[in-house]
Amino acid sequence: MTTPPVPSITDEQLAEIEAAAIDVKGWTMREHFQEPEEGFLPEDWEWYVGAIDEEGNRYPLLNVNAHQYDSGDSEKLAKYYALVNRDALLALITRLRAAEVDAARYRWLVEDCTTKHHGEQRPVLVCAYENPVIGWREEIARRIDAAMGRDQ
C-alpha cells in the first residue's frame, strides 16, 4: 500500500472490511423505511434498513431506534446505514486501490525515475528545469493541477 498523507486505515482493516462485505453477499440493505406500528403516531414509528423487492415487499434487517434516547435522528441514521451498504463499500475499496496505484505511479515519476544529467543521477522531472530549484516537486504538482484545471 502507498503511504497516505493522513493516517487513515491499515491494509489489514481494509481487508477485514472487504472480507466482511463479500461474506454478506445476498443481504441487500439499500433501503430505509418505516413500518407502521399500531397505536403509535407515524413520527414515533421506528426506522428500518433492509430491502424492498419488485412487488414492494419490505424486508427489515436492521432496526434503528434513536428516538428511545430522545433523538430525532433515527431516519438520518437509517438513511446513512442504507447508503453505506455492501456494494458501496466494495466500490469504494476498488476506487481506493485504483487511486493508490495512480499515486504510486506519480511518486515513482517524481522521486524514483532518474536519469544522468550533468554527470549525476537526478529525477527525470527535475531535468526539465534549466536550473532546478528547491520545491521543484511542489512546482510539478502545481503545474499538473493547473493543467488539469485544478488551480487553487
Protein backbone atom coordinates (compact mmCIF):
# COMPACT_ATOMS: atom_id res chain seq x y z
CA MET A 1 0.00 0.00 0.00
CA THR A 2 1.11 3.53 -0.58
CA THR A 3 1.54 5.75 2.44
CA PRO A 4 -1.48 8.04 2.75
CA PRO A 5 -0.83 11.72 3.55
CA VAL A 6 -3.07 11.37 6.60
CA PRO A 7 -3.20 8.23 8.76
CA SER A 8 -6.46 6.54 7.96
CA ILE A 9 -6.94 2.81 7.66
CA THR A 10 -4.49 -0.06 7.58
CA ASP A 11 -4.29 -2.69 4.87
CA GLU A 12 -5.46 -5.23 7.44
CA GLN A 13 -8.52 -3.15 8.39
CA LEU A 14 -9.36 -2.62 4.73
CA ALA A 15 -9.03 -6.35 4.05
CA GLU A 16 -11.26 -7.13 7.04
CA ILE A 17 -13.97 -4.73 5.80
CA GLU A 18 -13.70 -6.15 2.29
CA ALA A 19 -13.94 -9.76 3.53
CA ALA A 20 -16.96 -8.91 5.69
CA ALA A 21 -18.68 -7.16 2.75
CA ILE A 22 -18.02 -10.11 0.45
CA ASP A 23 -19.26 -12.51 3.13
CA VAL A 24 -22.72 -10.88 3.33
CA LYS A 25 -23.43 -11.29 -0.38
CA GLY A 26 -27.15 -11.53 -1.00
CA TRP A 27 -28.13 -9.44 2.01
CA THR A 28 -29.11 -6.16 0.43
CA MET A 29 -29.60 -3.30 2.82
CA ARG A 30 -30.06 -0.43 0.40
CA GLU A 31 -33.39 0.93 1.55
CA HIS A 32 -34.55 2.75 4.63
CA PHE A 33 -38.19 2.84 5.60
CA GLN A 34 -40.71 2.85 8.41
CA GLU A 35 -43.13 0.08 9.26
CA PRO A 36 -46.47 1.13 10.73
CA GLU A 37 -46.73 0.42 14.43
CA GLU A 38 -50.21 0.00 15.81
CA GLY A 39 -51.04 2.55 18.48
CA PHE A 40 -48.13 4.84 17.60
CA LEU A 41 -48.08 8.08 15.64
CA PRO A 42 -46.10 7.91 12.37
CA GLU A 43 -43.41 10.21 13.79
CA ASP A 44 -42.82 7.63 16.54
CA TRP A 45 -42.56 4.64 14.20
CA GLU A 46 -39.17 3.04 14.18
CA TRP A 47 -36.93 3.17 11.14
CA TYR A 48 -35.50 0.11 9.43
CA VAL A 49 -32.77 -0.67 6.97
CA GLY A 50 -33.31 -3.55 4.60
CA ALA A 51 -34.59 -4.40 1.19
CA ILE A 52 -37.73 -3.69 -0.81
CA ASP A 53 -38.42 -6.11 -3.65
CA GLU A 54 -40.09 -5.51 -7.02
CA GLU A 55 -43.56 -6.11 -5.53
CA GLY A 56 -42.95 -3.59 -2.75
CA ASN A 57 -42.45 -6.20 -0.03
CA ARG A 58 -40.24 -4.88 2.74
CA TYR A 59 -37.58 -6.95 4.43
CA PRO A 60 -36.32 -5.12 7.50
CA LEU A 61 -32.91 -6.33 8.65
CA LEU A 62 -31.77 -3.55 10.96
CA ASN A 63 -33.90 -1.62 13.43
CA VAL A 64 -32.79 1.98 14.01
CA ASN A 65 -34.30 3.27 17.20
CA ALA A 66 -32.59 6.51 18.22
CA HIS A 67 -35.82 8.09 19.47
CA GLN A 68 -35.66 5.93 22.58
CA TYR A 69 -32.71 8.17 23.53
CA ASP A 70 -34.72 11.34 22.89
CA SER A 71 -33.06 11.79 19.50
CA GLY A 72 -34.85 12.58 16.28
CA ASP A 73 -32.03 11.07 14.26
CA SER A 74 -33.48 7.62 13.52
CA GLU A 75 -34.35 8.49 9.92
CA LYS A 76 -30.93 10.08 9.29
CA LEU A 77 -29.15 7.06 10.77
CA ALA A 78 -31.29 4.60 8.78
CA LYS A 79 -30.54 6.52 5.57
CA TYR A 80 -26.82 6.53 6.40
CA TYR A 81 -26.73 2.78 7.13
CA ALA A 82 -28.62 2.09 3.90
CA LEU A 83 -26.15 4.20 1.89
CA VAL A 84 -23.10 2.51 3.46
CA ASN A 85 -24.04 -0.90 2.14
CA ARG A 86 -22.03 -3.86 0.89
CA ASP A 87 -21.88 -2.75 -2.73
CA ALA A 88 -20.95 0.83 -1.79
CA LEU A 89 -18.09 -0.38 0.41
CA LEU A 90 -16.74 -2.72 -2.26
CA ALA A 91 -16.94 0.09 -4.85
CA LEU A 92 -15.06 2.45 -2.51
CA ILE A 93 -12.38 -0.17 -1.88
CA THR A 94 -11.96 -0.67 -5.64
CA ARG A 95 -11.72 3.07 -6.17
CA LEU A 96 -9.23 3.46 -3.31
CA ARG A 97 -6.98 0.74 -4.69
CA ALA A 98 -7.02 2.34 -8.14
CA ALA A 99 -6.13 5.72 -6.59
CA GLU A 100 -3.27 4.11 -4.66
CA VAL A 101 -1.85 2.72 -7.91
CA ASP A 102 -2.08 6.15 -9.56
CA ALA A 103 -0.45 7.78 -6.53
CA ALA A 104 2.38 5.24 -6.58
CA ARG A 105 2.95 5.93 -10.29
CA TYR A 106 3.10 9.67 -9.64
CA ARG A 107 5.51 9.27 -6.70
CA TRP A 108 7.73 6.97 -8.80
CA LEU A 109 7.79 9.51 -11.61
CA VAL A 110 8.58 12.39 -9.26
CA GLU A 111 11.02 10.65 -6.92
CA ASP A 112 12.45 7.44 -8.37
CA CYS A 113 12.55 7.86 -12.14
CA THR A 114 16.10 9.11 -12.63
CA THR A 115 18.46 9.85 -15.48
CA LYS A 116 22.04 11.00 -15.77
CA HIS A 117 22.04 14.79 -16.01
CA HIS A 118 25.22 16.87 -15.98
CA GLY A 119 27.15 13.88 -14.73
CA GLU A 120 24.86 12.89 -11.86
CA GLN A 121 21.68 10.85 -11.37
CA ARG A 122 18.69 13.14 -10.96
CA PRO A 123 14.92 12.74 -11.10
CA VAL A 124 13.74 12.96 -14.71
CA LEU A 125 11.25 15.70 -13.97
CA VAL A 126 13.82 17.96 -12.34
CA CYS A 127 15.89 17.72 -15.52
CA ALA A 128 13.10 19.57 -17.29
CA TYR A 129 14.21 22.71 -15.46
CA GLU A 130 17.32 24.54 -16.60
CA ASN A 131 18.15 25.46 -13.03
CA PRO A 132 16.44 23.12 -10.57
CA VAL A 133 15.03 24.95 -7.60
CA ILE A 134 14.13 23.99 -4.08
CA GLY A 135 10.48 22.95 -4.07
CA TRP A 136 10.52 21.52 -7.59
CA ARG A 137 8.24 18.61 -6.54
CA GLU A 138 5.61 21.07 -5.32
CA GLU A 139 6.04 23.05 -8.54
CA ILE A 140 5.47 19.90 -10.61
CA ALA A 141 2.31 19.17 -8.60
CA ARG A 142 1.13 22.77 -9.04
CA ARG A 143 1.67 22.64 -12.80
CA ILE A 144 -0.11 19.30 -13.11
CA ASP A 145 -3.05 20.66 -11.10
CA ALA A 146 -3.16 23.78 -13.28
CA ALA A 147 -3.06 21.72 -16.48
CA MET A 148 -5.89 19.56 -15.14
CA GLY A 149 -7.95 22.64 -14.25
CA ARG A 150 -7.48 22.20 -10.51
CA ASP A 151 -5.97 25.59 -9.77
CA GLN A 152 -6.40 26.57 -6.16
